[in-house]
Amino acid sequence: MRRKAKHYKLEFKQKAVELSYAKGSVKQVCEDLDILPAVLYRWRKEQKNYGKNSFPGRGNPKMTDEQKEMARLK
């Protein structure tokens, strides 16, 4: 049986990523928050690659500051 897709708020994702770095254990954080490890690893990667621009919301592209500036100028 397939799991129903869950949608998490921006604040939840940011706190989960911060907590995973603070605790040092992704597995423990995932158990505590009831999320899959693959999801948390993806959030950590997005946070690392896009910084404050991570998690833009459904349907919005993830962009670095430089990419946003170029899109704005176009």
PDB file of N, CA and C in Angstrom:
ATOM      1  N   MET A   1       0.835  -1.183   0.000  1.00  0.00           N
ATOM      2  CA  MET A   1       0.000   0.000   0.000  1.00  0.00           C
ATOM      3  C   MET A   1       0.883   1.250   0.000  1.00  0.00           C
ATOM      4  N   ARG A   2       0.505   2.203  -0.772  1.00  0.00           N
ATOM      5  CA  ARG A   2       1.272   3.437  -0.915  1.00  0.00           C
ATOM      6  C   ARG A   2       0.969   4.431   0.192  1.00  0.00           C
ATOM      7  N   ARG A   3       2.009   5.114   0.640  1.00  0.00           N
ATOM      8  CA  ARG A   3       1.819   6.170   1.644  1.00  0.00           C
ATOM      9  C   ARG A   3       1.216   7.394   0.985  1.00  0.00           C
ATOM     10  N   LYS A   4       0.344   8.062   1.707  1.00  0.00           N
ATOM     11  CA  LYS A   4      -0.224   9.306   1.198  1.00  0.00           C
ATOM     12  C   LYS A   4       0.827  10.403   1.325  1.00  0.00           C
ATOM     13  N   ALA A   5       0.981  11.196   0.288  1.00  0.00           N
ATOM     14  CA  ALA A   5       1.971  12.276   0.295  1.00  0.00           C
ATOM     15  C   ALA A   5       1.620  13.291   1.371  1.00  0.00           C
ATOM     16  N   LYS A   6       2.621  13.646   2.153  1.00  0.00           N
ATOM     17  CA  LYS A   6       2.426  14.652   3.191  1.00  0.00           C
ATOM     18  C   LYS A   6       3.062  15.954   2.733  1.00  0.00           C
ATOM     19  N   HIS A   7       2.479  17.045   3.141  1.00  0.00           N
ATOM     20  CA  HIS A   7       3.015  18.359   2.819  1.00  0.00           C
ATOM     21  C   HIS A   7       3.380  19.040   4.128  1.00  0.00           C
ATOM     22  N   TYR A   8       4.629  19.439   4.217  1.00  0.00           N
ATOM     23  CA  TYR A   8       5.138  20.045   5.443  1.00  0.00           C
ATOM     24  C   TYR A   8       5.349  21.535   5.248  1.00  0.00           C
ATOM     25  N   LYS A   9       5.133  22.279   6.285  1.00  0.00           N
ATOM     26  CA  LYS A   9       5.333  23.734   6.240  1.00  0.00           C
ATOM     27  C   LYS A   9       6.823  24.066   6.241  1.00  0.00           C
ATOM     28  N   LEU A  10       7.131  25.236   5.743  1.00  0.00           N
ATOM     29  CA  LEU A  10       8.497  25.727   5.651  1.00  0.00           C
ATOM     30  C   LEU A  10       9.198  25.669   7.006  1.00  0.00           C
ATOM     31  N   GLU A  11       8.528  26.150   8.041  1.00  0.00           N
ATOM     32  CA  GLU A  11       9.125  26.188   9.376  1.00  0.00           C
ATOM     33  C   GLU A  11       9.467  24.797   9.885  1.00  0.00           C
ATOM     34  N   PHE A  12       8.603  23.827   9.605  1.00  0.00           N
ATOM     35  CA  PHE A  12       8.838  22.454  10.035  1.00  0.00           C
ATOM     36  C   PHE A  12      10.097  21.900   9.369  1.00  0.00           C
ATOM     37  N   LYS A  13      10.232  22.142   8.073  1.00  0.00           N
ATOM     38  CA  LYS A  13      11.399  21.654   7.338  1.00  0.00           C
ATOM     39  C   LYS A  13      12.680  22.282   7.874  1.00  0.00           C
ATOM     40  N   GLN A  14      12.646  23.586   8.089  1.00  0.00           N
ATOM     41  CA  GLN A  14      13.836  24.267   8.591  1.00  0.00           C
ATOM     42  C   GLN A  14      14.224  23.766   9.975  1.00  0.00           C
ATOM     43  N   LYS A  15      13.252  23.587  10.854  1.00  0.00           N
ATOM     44  CA  LYS A  15      13.533  23.103  12.208  1.00  0.00           C
ATOM     45  C   LYS A  15      14.039  21.662  12.180  1.00  0.00           C
ATOM     46  N   ALA A  16      13.485  20.841  11.299  1.00  0.00           N
ATOM     47  CA  ALA A  16      13.924  19.451  11.189  1.00  0.00           C
ATOM     48  C   ALA A  16      15.384  19.389  10.741  1.00  0.00           C
ATOM     49  N   VAL A  17      15.755  20.208   9.777  1.00  0.00           N
ATOM     50  CA  VAL A  17      17.136  20.244   9.292  1.00  0.00           C
ATOM     51  C   VAL A  17      18.066  20.720  10.403  1.00  0.00           C
ATOM     52  N   GLU A  18      17.689  21.801  11.097  1.00  0.00           N
ATOM     53  CA  GLU A  18      18.500  22.310  12.204  1.00  0.00           C
ATOM     54  C   GLU A  18      18.674  21.259  13.291  1.00  0.00           C
ATOM     55  N   LEU A  19      17.599  20.572  13.619  1.00  0.00           N
ATOM     56  CA  LEU A  19      17.629  19.553  14.659  1.00  0.00           C
ATOM     57  C   LEU A  19      18.517  18.381  14.257  1.00  0.00           C
ATOM     58  N   SER A  20      18.486  18.018  12.975  1.00  0.00           N
ATOM     59  CA  SER A  20      19.308  16.893  12.524  1.00  0.00           C
ATOM     60  C   SER A  20      20.795  17.215  12.637  1.00  0.00           C
ATOM     61  N   TYR A  21      21.160  18.461  12.386  1.00  0.00           N
ATOM     62  CA  TYR A  21      22.563  18.849  12.545  1.00  0.00           C
ATOM     63  C   TYR A  21      22.928  18.960  14.024  1.00  0.00           C
ATOM     64  N   ALA A  22      22.005  19.462  14.846  1.00  0.00           N
ATOM     65  CA  ALA A  22      22.279  19.636  16.274  1.00  0.00           C
ATOM     66  C   ALA A  22      22.432  18.289  16.979  1.00  0.00           C
ATOM     67  N   LYS A  23      21.528  17.356  16.668  1.00  0.00           N
ATOM     68  CA  LYS A  23      21.582  16.035  17.306  1.00  0.00           C
ATOM     69  C   LYS A  23      22.663  15.151  16.694  1.00  0.00           C
ATOM     70  N   GLY A  24      22.936  15.357  15.408  1.00  0.00           N
ATOM     71  CA  GLY A  24      23.930  14.542  14.723  1.00  0.00           C
ATOM     72  C   GLY A  24      23.407  13.188  14.292  1.00  0.00           C
ATOM     73  N   SER A  25      22.121  12.922  14.512  1.00  0.00           N
ATOM     74  CA  SER A  25      21.542  11.632  14.162  1.00  0.00           C
ATOM     75  C   SER A  25      20.275  11.834  13.339  1.00  0.00           C
ATOM     76  N   VAL A  26      20.380  11.604  12.050  1.00  0.00           N
ATOM     77  CA  VAL A  26      19.223  11.742  11.174  1.00  0.00           C
ATOM     78  C   VAL A  26      18.171  10.700  11.539  1.00  0.00           C
ATOM     79  N   LYS A  27      18.611   9.494  11.835  1.00  0.00           N
ATOM     80  CA  LYS A  27      17.682   8.418  12.162  1.00  0.00           C
ATOM     81  C   LYS A  27      16.816   8.778  13.367  1.00  0.00           C
ATOM     82  N   GLN A  28      17.424   9.302  14.414  1.00  0.00           N
ATOM     83  CA  GLN A  28      16.687   9.653  15.623  1.00  0.00           C
ATOM     84  C   GLN A  28      15.698  10.791  15.364  1.00  0.00           C
ATOM     85  N   VAL A  29      16.114  11.785  14.623  1.00  0.00           N
ATOM     86  CA  VAL A  29      15.227  12.910  14.307  1.00  0.00           C
ATOM     87  C   VAL A  29      14.040  12.419  13.478  1.00  0.00           C
ATOM     88  N   CYS A  30      14.288  11.546  12.542  1.00  0.00           N
ATOM     89  CA  CYS A  30      13.210  11.004  11.708  1.00  0.00           C
ATOM     90  C   CYS A  30      12.205  10.217  12.539  1.00  0.00           C
ATOM     91  N   GLU A  31      12.704   9.442  13.473  1.00  0.00           N
ATOM     92  CA  GLU A  31      11.800   8.698  14.354  1.00  0.00           C
ATOM     93  C   GLU A  31      10.990   9.654  15.216  1.00  0.00           C
ATOM     94  N   ASP A  32      11.627  10.676  15.750  1.00  0.00           N
ATOM     95  CA  ASP A  32      10.946  11.638  16.617  1.00  0.00           C
ATOM     96  C   ASP A  32       9.874  12.425  15.856  1.00  0.00           C
ATOM     97  N   LEU A  33      10.155  12.783  14.614  1.00  0.00           N
ATOM     98  CA  LEU A  33       9.243  13.624  13.829  1.00  0.00           C
ATOM     99  C   LEU A  33       8.343  12.830  12.884  1.00  0.00           C
ATOM    100  N   ASP A  34       8.535  11.520  12.835  1.00  0.00           N
ATOM    101  CA  ASP A  34       7.755  10.635  11.964  1.00  0.00           C
ATOM    102  C   ASP A  34       7.863  11.031  10.492  1.00  0.00           C
ATOM    103  N   ILE A  35       9.109  11.159  10.023  1.00  0.00           N
ATOM    104  CA  ILE A  35       9.364  11.412   8.608  1.00  0.00           C
ATOM    105  C   ILE A  35      10.378  10.389   8.119  1.00  0.00           C
ATOM    106  N   LEU A  36      10.423  10.182   6.828  1.00  0.00           N
ATOM    107  CA  LEU A  36      11.365   9.233   6.244  1.00  0.00           C
ATOM    108  C   LEU A  36      12.766   9.839   6.186  1.00  0.00           C
ATOM    109  N   PRO A  37      13.792   9.025   6.412  1.00  0.00           N
ATOM    110  CA  PRO A  37      15.172   9.537   6.328  1.00  0.00           C
ATOM    111  C   PRO A  37      15.495  10.147   4.965  1.00  0.00           C
ATOM    112  N   ALA A  38      14.987   9.552   3.896  1.00  0.00           N
ATOM    113  CA  ALA A  38      15.259  10.087   2.554  1.00  0.00           C
ATOM    114  C   ALA A  38      14.732  11.508   2.415  1.00  0.00           C
ATOM    115  N   VAL A  39      13.617  11.785   3.044  1.00  0.00           N
ATOM    116  CA  VAL A  39      13.024  13.128   2.988  1.00  0.00           C
ATOM    117  C   VAL A  39      13.923  14.124   3.712  1.00  0.00           C
ATOM    118  N   LEU A  40      14.364  13.748   4.902  1.00  0.00           N
ATOM    119  CA  LEU A  40      15.220  14.646   5.671  1.00  0.00           C
ATOM    120  C   LEU A  40      16.556  14.860   4.976  1.00  0.00           C
ATOM    121  N   TYR A  41      17.134  13.824   4.386  1.00  0.00           N
ATOM    122  CA  TYR A  41      18.388  14.000   3.642  1.00  0.00           C
ATOM    123  C   TYR A  41      18.193  14.941   2.460  1.00  0.00           C
ATOM    124  N   ARG A  42      17.027  14.843   1.795  1.00  0.00           N
ATOM    125  CA  ARG A  42      16.741  15.750   0.668  1.00  0.00           C
ATOM    126  C   ARG A  42      16.627  17.188   1.162  1.00  0.00           C
ATOM    127  N   TRP A  43      15.946  17.377   2.283  1.00  0.00           N
ATOM    128  CA  TRP A  43      15.819  18.725   2.844  1.00  0.00           C
ATOM    129  C   TRP A  43      17.176  19.288   3.222  1.00  0.00           C
ATOM    130  N   ARG A  44      18.050  18.452   3.790  1.00  0.00           N
ATOM    131  CA  ARG A  44      19.393  18.912   4.166  1.00  0.00           C
ATOM    132  C   ARG A  44      20.179  19.329   2.926  1.00  0.00           C
ATOM    133  N   LYS A  45      20.050  18.551   1.855  1.00  0.00           N
ATOM    134  CA  LYS A  45      20.758  18.856   0.609  1.00  0.00           C
ATOM    135  C   LYS A  45      20.240  20.168   0.008  1.00  0.00           C
ATOM    136  N   GLU A  46      18.918  20.351   0.004  1.00  0.00           N
ATOM    137  CA  GLU A  46      18.344  21.585  -0.515  1.00  0.00           C
ATOM    138  C   GLU A  46      18.808  22.789   0.304  1.00  0.00           C
ATOM    139  N   GLN A  47      18.817  22.629   1.620  1.00  0.00           N
ATOM    140  CA  GLN A  47      19.265  23.719   2.498  1.00  0.00           C
ATOM    141  C   GLN A  47      20.717  24.075   2.195  1.00  0.00           C
ATOM    142  N   LYS A  48      21.541  23.063   1.965  1.00  0.00           N
ATOM    143  CA  LYS A  48      22.960  23.289   1.674  1.00  0.00           C
ATOM    144  C   LYS A  48      23.126  23.988   0.324  1.00  0.00           C
ATOM    145  N   ASN A  49      22.375  23.557  -0.689  1.00  0.00           N
ATOM    146  CA  ASN A  49      22.527  24.096  -2.040  1.00  0.00           C
ATOM    147  C   ASN A  49      21.883  25.466  -2.240  1.00  0.00           C
ATOM    148  N   TYR A  50      20.738  25.701  -1.601  1.00  0.00           N
ATOM    149  CA  TYR A  50      19.977  26.923  -1.874  1.00  0.00           C
ATOM    150  C   TYR A  50      19.874  27.878  -0.690  1.00  0.00           C
ATOM    151  N   GLY A  51      20.341  27.467   0.480  1.00  0.00           N
ATOM    152  CA  GLY A  51      20.327  28.345   1.651  1.00  0.00           C
ATOM    153  C   GLY A  51      18.949  28.859   1.992  1.00  0.00           C
ATOM    154  N   LYS A  52      18.824  30.168   2.127  1.00  0.00           N
ATOM    155  CA  LYS A  52      17.540  30.757   2.508  1.00  0.00           C
ATOM    156  C   LYS A  52      16.483  30.627   1.412  1.00  0.00           C
ATOM    157  N   ASN A  53      16.885  30.269   0.210  1.00  0.00           N
ATOM    158  CA  ASN A  53      15.940  30.107  -0.896  1.00  0.00           C
ATOM    159  C   ASN A  53      15.393  28.686  -1.009  1.00  0.00           C
ATOM    160  N   SER A  54      15.760  27.805  -0.084  1.00  0.00           N
ATOM    161  CA  SER A  54      15.238  26.446  -0.141  1.00  0.00           C
ATOM    162  C   SER A  54      13.772  26.435   0.258  1.00  0.00           C
ATOM    163  N   PHE A  55      13.100  25.396  -0.160  1.00  0.00           N
ATOM    164  CA  PHE A  55      11.688  25.174   0.164  1.00  0.00           C
ATOM    165  C   PHE A  55      10.806  26.335  -0.280  1.00  0.00           C
ATOM    166  N   PRO A  56      10.788  26.665  -1.587  1.00  0.00           N
ATOM    167  CA  PRO A  56      10.010  27.810  -2.053  1.00  0.00           C
ATOM    168  C   PRO A  56       8.499  27.564  -2.089  1.00  0.00           C
ATOM    169  N   GLY A  57       8.069  26.335  -1.939  1.00  0.00           N
ATOM    170  CA  GLY A  57       6.643  26.028  -2.001  1.00  0.00           C
ATOM    171  C   GLY A  57       6.333  25.238  -3.258  1.00  0.00           C
ATOM    172  N   ARG A  58       5.185  24.623  -3.258  1.00  0.00           N
ATOM    173  CA  ARG A  58       4.821  23.775  -4.401  1.00  0.00           C
ATOM    174  C   ARG A  58       4.639  24.604  -5.661  1.00  0.00           C
ATOM    175  N   GLY A  59       5.276  24.147  -6.733  1.00  0.00           N
ATOM    176  CA  GLY A  59       5.143  24.818  -8.020  1.00  0.00           C
ATOM    177  C   GLY A  59       6.125  25.941  -8.260  1.00  0.00           C
ATOM    178  N   ASN A  60       6.881  26.326  -7.253  1.00  0.00           N
ATOM    179  CA  ASN A  60       7.864  27.395  -7.416  1.00  0.00           C
ATOM    180  C   ASN A  60       9.255  26.783  -7.535  1.00  0.00           C
ATOM    181  N   PRO A  61      10.047  27.242  -8.492  1.00  0.00           N
ATOM    182  CA  PRO A  61      11.380  26.658  -8.672  1.00  0.00           C
ATOM    183  C   PRO A  61      12.343  27.098  -7.574  1.00  0.00           C
ATOM    184  N   LYS A  62      13.268  26.205  -7.249  1.00  0.00           N
ATOM    185  CA  LYS A  62      14.332  26.548  -6.305  1.00  0.00           C
ATOM    186  C   LYS A  62      15.401  27.304  -7.086  1.00  0.00           C
ATOM    187  N   MET A  63      15.803  28.449  -6.577  1.00  0.00           N
ATOM    188  CA  MET A  63      16.815  29.257  -7.265  1.00  0.00           C
ATOM    189  C   MET A  63      17.788  29.831  -6.259  1.00  0.00           C
ATOM    190  N   THR A  64      19.023  29.980  -6.717  1.00  0.00           N
ATOM    191  CA  THR A  64      20.012  30.678  -5.905  1.00  0.00           C
ATOM    192  C   THR A  64      19.744  32.175  -6.045  1.00  0.00           C
ATOM    193  N   ASP A  65      20.408  32.983  -5.250  1.00  0.00           N
ATOM    194  CA  ASP A  65      20.224  34.435  -5.343  1.00  0.00           C
ATOM    195  C   ASP A  65      20.583  34.950  -6.727  1.00  0.00           C
ATOM    196  N   GLU A  66      21.653  34.401  -7.320  1.00  0.00           N
ATOM    197  CA  GLU A  66      22.080  34.822  -8.657  1.00  0.00           C
ATOM    198  C   GLU A  66      21.026  34.469  -9.702  1.00  0.00           C
ATOM    199  N   GLN A  67      20.439  33.270  -9.603  1.00  0.00           N
ATOM    200  CA  GLN A  67      19.422  32.852 -10.550  1.00  0.00           C
ATOM    201  C   GLN A  67      18.172  33.717 -10.415  1.00  0.00           C
ATOM    202  N   LYS A  68      17.815  34.084  -9.185  1.00  0.00           N
ATOM    203  CA  LYS A  68      16.657  34.952  -8.987  1.00  0.00           C
ATOM    204  C   LYS A  68      16.889  36.325  -9.602  1.00  0.00           C
ATOM    205  N   GLU A  69      18.081  36.837  -9.426  1.00  0.00           N
ATOM    206  CA  GLU A  69      18.411  38.162  -9.985  1.00  0.00           C
ATOM    207  C   GLU A  69      18.358  38.134 -11.511  1.00  0.00           C
ATOM    208  N   MET A  70      18.884  37.064 -12.111  1.00  0.00           N
ATOM    209  CA  MET A  70      18.862  36.942 -13.573  1.00  0.00           C
ATOM    210  C   MET A  70      17.426  36.848 -14.068  1.00  0.00           C
ATOM    211  N   ALA A  71      16.593  36.075 -13.376  1.00  0.00           N
ATOM    212  CA  ALA A  71      15.185  35.945 -13.773  1.00  0.00           C
ATOM    213  C   ALA A  71      14.469  37.285 -13.640  1.00  0.00           C
ATOM    214  N   ARG A  72      14.770  38.024 -12.598  1.00  0.00           N
ATOM    215  CA  ARG A  72      14.143  39.336 -12.401  1.00  0.00           C
ATOM    216  C   ARG A  72      14.527  40.301 -13.508  1.00  0.00           C
ATOM    217  N   LEU A  73      15.811  40.248 -13.931  1.00  0.00           N
ATOM    218  CA  LEU A  73      16.283  41.162 -14.975  1.00  0.00           C
ATOM    219  C   LEU A  73      15.716  40.820 -16.337  1.00  0.00           C
ATOM    220  N   LYS A  74      15.378  39.563 -16.570  1.00  0.00           N
ATOM    221  CA  LYS A  74      14.791  39.185 -17.850  1.00  0.00           C
ATOM    222  C   LYS A  74      13.407  39.738 -17.928  1.00  0.00           C
TER     223      LYS A  74
END
